[in-house]
Amino acid sequence: MQSIANIKSISYLKSHAAQISDDLEMNGNPFFITQNGEASMVIESVKQYQEKEALLAALKIIALGEKDRLQGKGISVADSRAQLLVARQSRK
């Protein structure tokens, strides 16, 4: 887990938005914005956001697969390999 080093107030965000954008692009560390002394929002780079979304999507797929496996859905590894072999041979 990364440390929370970039804690800034909302007034700092208002007056230094371009600088925050440049810093995000250079090092990628998110900014934690406070309002009235309380955590209010997190600002992260688009790249970091997209990577996080891709990871969440992959985790959801894994969770769905595990749910199906526990319900007895799906096929064994041996059956899967046999199906792949048949599919490869039919393409030849």
C-alpha atoms as a PDB file:
ATOM      1  CA  MET A   1       0.000   0.000   0.000  1.00  0.00           C
ATOM      2  CA  GLN A   2       1.385   3.384  -0.927  1.00  0.00           C
ATOM      3  CA  SER A   3       1.856   6.072   1.662  1.00  0.00           C
ATOM      4  CA  ILE A   4      -0.412   9.088   1.709  1.00  0.00           C
ATOM      5  CA  ALA A   5       2.125  11.821   0.999  1.00  0.00           C
ATOM      6  CA  ASN A   6       0.152  14.249  -1.161  1.00  0.00           C
ATOM      7  CA  ILE A   7      -2.492  15.579   1.197  1.00  0.00           C
ATOM      8  CA  LYS A   8      -3.712  19.002   0.061  1.00  0.00           C
ATOM      9  CA  SER A   9      -6.621  21.267   0.873  1.00  0.00           C
ATOM     10  CA  ILE A  10      -9.340  22.068  -1.611  1.00  0.00           C
ATOM     11  CA  SER A  11      -8.110  25.663  -1.743  1.00  0.00           C
ATOM     12  CA  TYR A  12      -4.667  24.357  -2.765  1.00  0.00           C
ATOM     13  CA  LEU A  13      -6.362  22.344  -5.525  1.00  0.00           C
ATOM     14  CA  LYS A  14      -8.175  25.447  -6.764  1.00  0.00           C
ATOM     15  CA  SER A  15      -5.006  27.523  -6.976  1.00  0.00           C
ATOM     16  CA  HIS A  16      -2.562  24.821  -8.137  1.00  0.00           C
ATOM     17  CA  ALA A  17      -4.582  22.599 -10.472  1.00  0.00           C
ATOM     18  CA  ALA A  18      -2.026  22.798 -13.307  1.00  0.00           C
ATOM     19  CA  GLN A  19       0.827  21.962 -10.937  1.00  0.00           C
ATOM     20  CA  ILE A  20      -1.099  18.975  -9.568  1.00  0.00           C
ATOM     21  CA  SER A  21      -1.757  17.784 -13.117  1.00  0.00           C
ATOM     22  CA  ASP A  22       1.942  18.032 -13.970  1.00  0.00           C
ATOM     23  CA  ASP A  23       2.906  16.183 -10.793  1.00  0.00           C
ATOM     24  CA  LEU A  24       0.432  13.393 -11.527  1.00  0.00           C
ATOM     25  CA  GLU A  25       1.865  13.018 -15.012  1.00  0.00           C
ATOM     26  CA  MET A  26       5.458  12.933 -13.733  1.00  0.00           C
ATOM     27  CA  ASN A  27       5.235  10.577 -10.754  1.00  0.00           C
ATOM     28  CA  GLY A  28       1.686   9.192 -10.708  1.00  0.00           C
ATOM     29  CA  ASN A  29       1.135   9.547  -6.959  1.00  0.00           C
ATOM     30  CA  PRO A  30      -2.487  10.455  -6.238  1.00  0.00           C
ATOM     31  CA  PHE A  31      -3.476  13.589  -4.333  1.00  0.00           C
ATOM     32  CA  PHE A  32      -5.777  13.360  -1.338  1.00  0.00           C
ATOM     33  CA  ILE A  33      -7.895  16.504  -1.099  1.00  0.00           C
ATOM     34  CA  THR A  34      -9.374  17.671   2.181  1.00  0.00           C
ATOM     35  CA  GLN A  35     -12.268  19.994   2.845  1.00  0.00           C
ATOM     36  CA  ASN A  36     -12.718  21.447   6.336  1.00  0.00           C
ATOM     37  CA  GLY A  37      -9.990  19.106   7.568  1.00  0.00           C
ATOM     38  CA  GLU A  38     -11.773  15.962   6.375  1.00  0.00           C
ATOM     39  CA  ALA A  39     -10.804  13.738   3.449  1.00  0.00           C
ATOM     40  CA  SER A  40     -13.002  14.725   0.524  1.00  0.00           C
ATOM     41  CA  MET A  41     -11.609  13.268  -2.712  1.00  0.00           C
ATOM     42  CA  VAL A  42      -8.697  11.560  -4.406  1.00  0.00           C
ATOM     43  CA  ILE A  43      -7.231  12.826  -7.653  1.00  0.00           C
ATOM     44  CA  GLU A  44      -5.287  10.355  -9.773  1.00  0.00           C
ATOM     45  CA  SER A  45      -3.924  10.270 -13.303  1.00  0.00           C
ATOM     46  CA  VAL A  46      -6.010   8.905 -16.160  1.00  0.00           C
ATOM     47  CA  LYS A  47      -3.436   6.137 -16.674  1.00  0.00           C
ATOM     48  CA  GLN A  48      -3.679   5.097 -13.040  1.00  0.00           C
ATOM     49  CA  TYR A  49      -7.483   5.175 -13.208  1.00  0.00           C
ATOM     50  CA  GLN A  50      -7.554   3.018 -16.352  1.00  0.00           C
ATOM     51  CA  GLU A  51      -5.163   0.484 -14.835  1.00  0.00           C
ATOM     52  CA  LYS A  52      -7.315   0.282 -11.720  1.00  0.00           C
ATOM     53  CA  GLU A  53     -10.483  -0.209 -13.795  1.00  0.00           C
ATOM     54  CA  ALA A  54      -8.826  -2.973 -15.840  1.00  0.00           C
ATOM     55  CA  LEU A  55      -7.743  -4.704 -12.633  1.00  0.00           C
ATOM     56  CA  LEU A  56     -11.259  -4.490 -11.197  1.00  0.00           C
ATOM     57  CA  ALA A  57     -12.716  -5.944 -14.397  1.00  0.00           C
ATOM     58  CA  ALA A  58     -10.261  -8.855 -14.265  1.00  0.00           C
ATOM     59  CA  LEU A  59     -11.063  -9.504 -10.607  1.00  0.00           C
ATOM     60  CA  LYS A  60     -14.794  -9.532 -11.387  1.00  0.00           C
ATOM     61  CA  ILE A  61     -14.233 -12.114 -14.141  1.00  0.00           C
ATOM     62  CA  ILE A  62     -12.183 -14.260 -11.766  1.00  0.00           C
ATOM     63  CA  ALA A  63     -14.882 -13.986  -9.080  1.00  0.00           C
ATOM     64  CA  LEU A  64     -17.590 -15.009 -11.558  1.00  0.00           C
ATOM     65  CA  GLY A  65     -15.489 -17.968 -12.669  1.00  0.00           C
ATOM     66  CA  GLU A  66     -14.933 -19.043  -9.076  1.00  0.00           C
ATOM     67  CA  LYS A  67     -18.652 -18.748  -8.378  1.00  0.00           C
ATOM     68  CA  ASP A  68     -19.415 -20.973 -11.383  1.00  0.00           C
ATOM     69  CA  ARG A  69     -16.747 -23.474 -10.282  1.00  0.00           C
ATOM     70  CA  LEU A  70     -18.238 -23.706  -6.799  1.00  0.00           C
ATOM     71  CA  GLN A  71     -21.693 -24.297  -8.322  1.00  0.00           C
ATOM     72  CA  GLY A  72     -20.312 -27.195 -10.360  1.00  0.00           C
ATOM     73  CA  LYS A  73     -20.578 -25.372 -13.666  1.00  0.00           C
ATOM     74  CA  GLY A  74     -17.824 -25.614 -16.232  1.00  0.00           C
ATOM     75  CA  ILE A  75     -15.598 -28.448 -17.332  1.00  0.00           C
ATOM     76  CA  SER A  76     -12.460 -30.122 -16.080  1.00  0.00           C
ATOM     77  CA  VAL A  77      -8.985 -29.182 -17.274  1.00  0.00           C
ATOM     78  CA  ALA A  78      -8.691 -32.484 -19.135  1.00  0.00           C
ATOM     79  CA  ASP A  79     -12.003 -31.905 -20.950  1.00  0.00           C
ATOM     80  CA  SER A  80     -10.988 -28.350 -21.784  1.00  0.00           C
ATOM     81  CA  ARG A  81      -7.683 -29.524 -23.271  1.00  0.00           C
ATOM     82  CA  ALA A  82      -9.494 -32.174 -25.282  1.00  0.00           C
ATOM     83  CA  GLN A  83     -11.876 -29.547 -26.669  1.00  0.00           C
ATOM     84  CA  LEU A  84      -8.950 -27.305 -27.604  1.00  0.00           C
ATOM     85  CA  LEU A  85      -7.199 -30.185 -29.356  1.00  0.00           C
ATOM     86  CA  VAL A  86     -10.346 -30.971 -31.363  1.00  0.00           C
ATOM     87  CA  ALA A  87     -10.748 -27.292 -32.282  1.00  0.00           C
ATOM     88  CA  ARG A  88      -7.116 -27.033 -33.435  1.00  0.00           C
ATOM     89  CA  GLN A  89      -7.378 -30.181 -35.501  1.00  0.00           C
ATOM     90  CA  SER A  90     -10.585 -29.002 -37.175  1.00  0.00           C
ATOM     91  CA  ARG A  91      -8.837 -25.805 -38.340  1.00  0.00           C
ATOM     92  CA  LYS A  92      -6.205 -27.767 -40.255  1.00  0.00           C
END
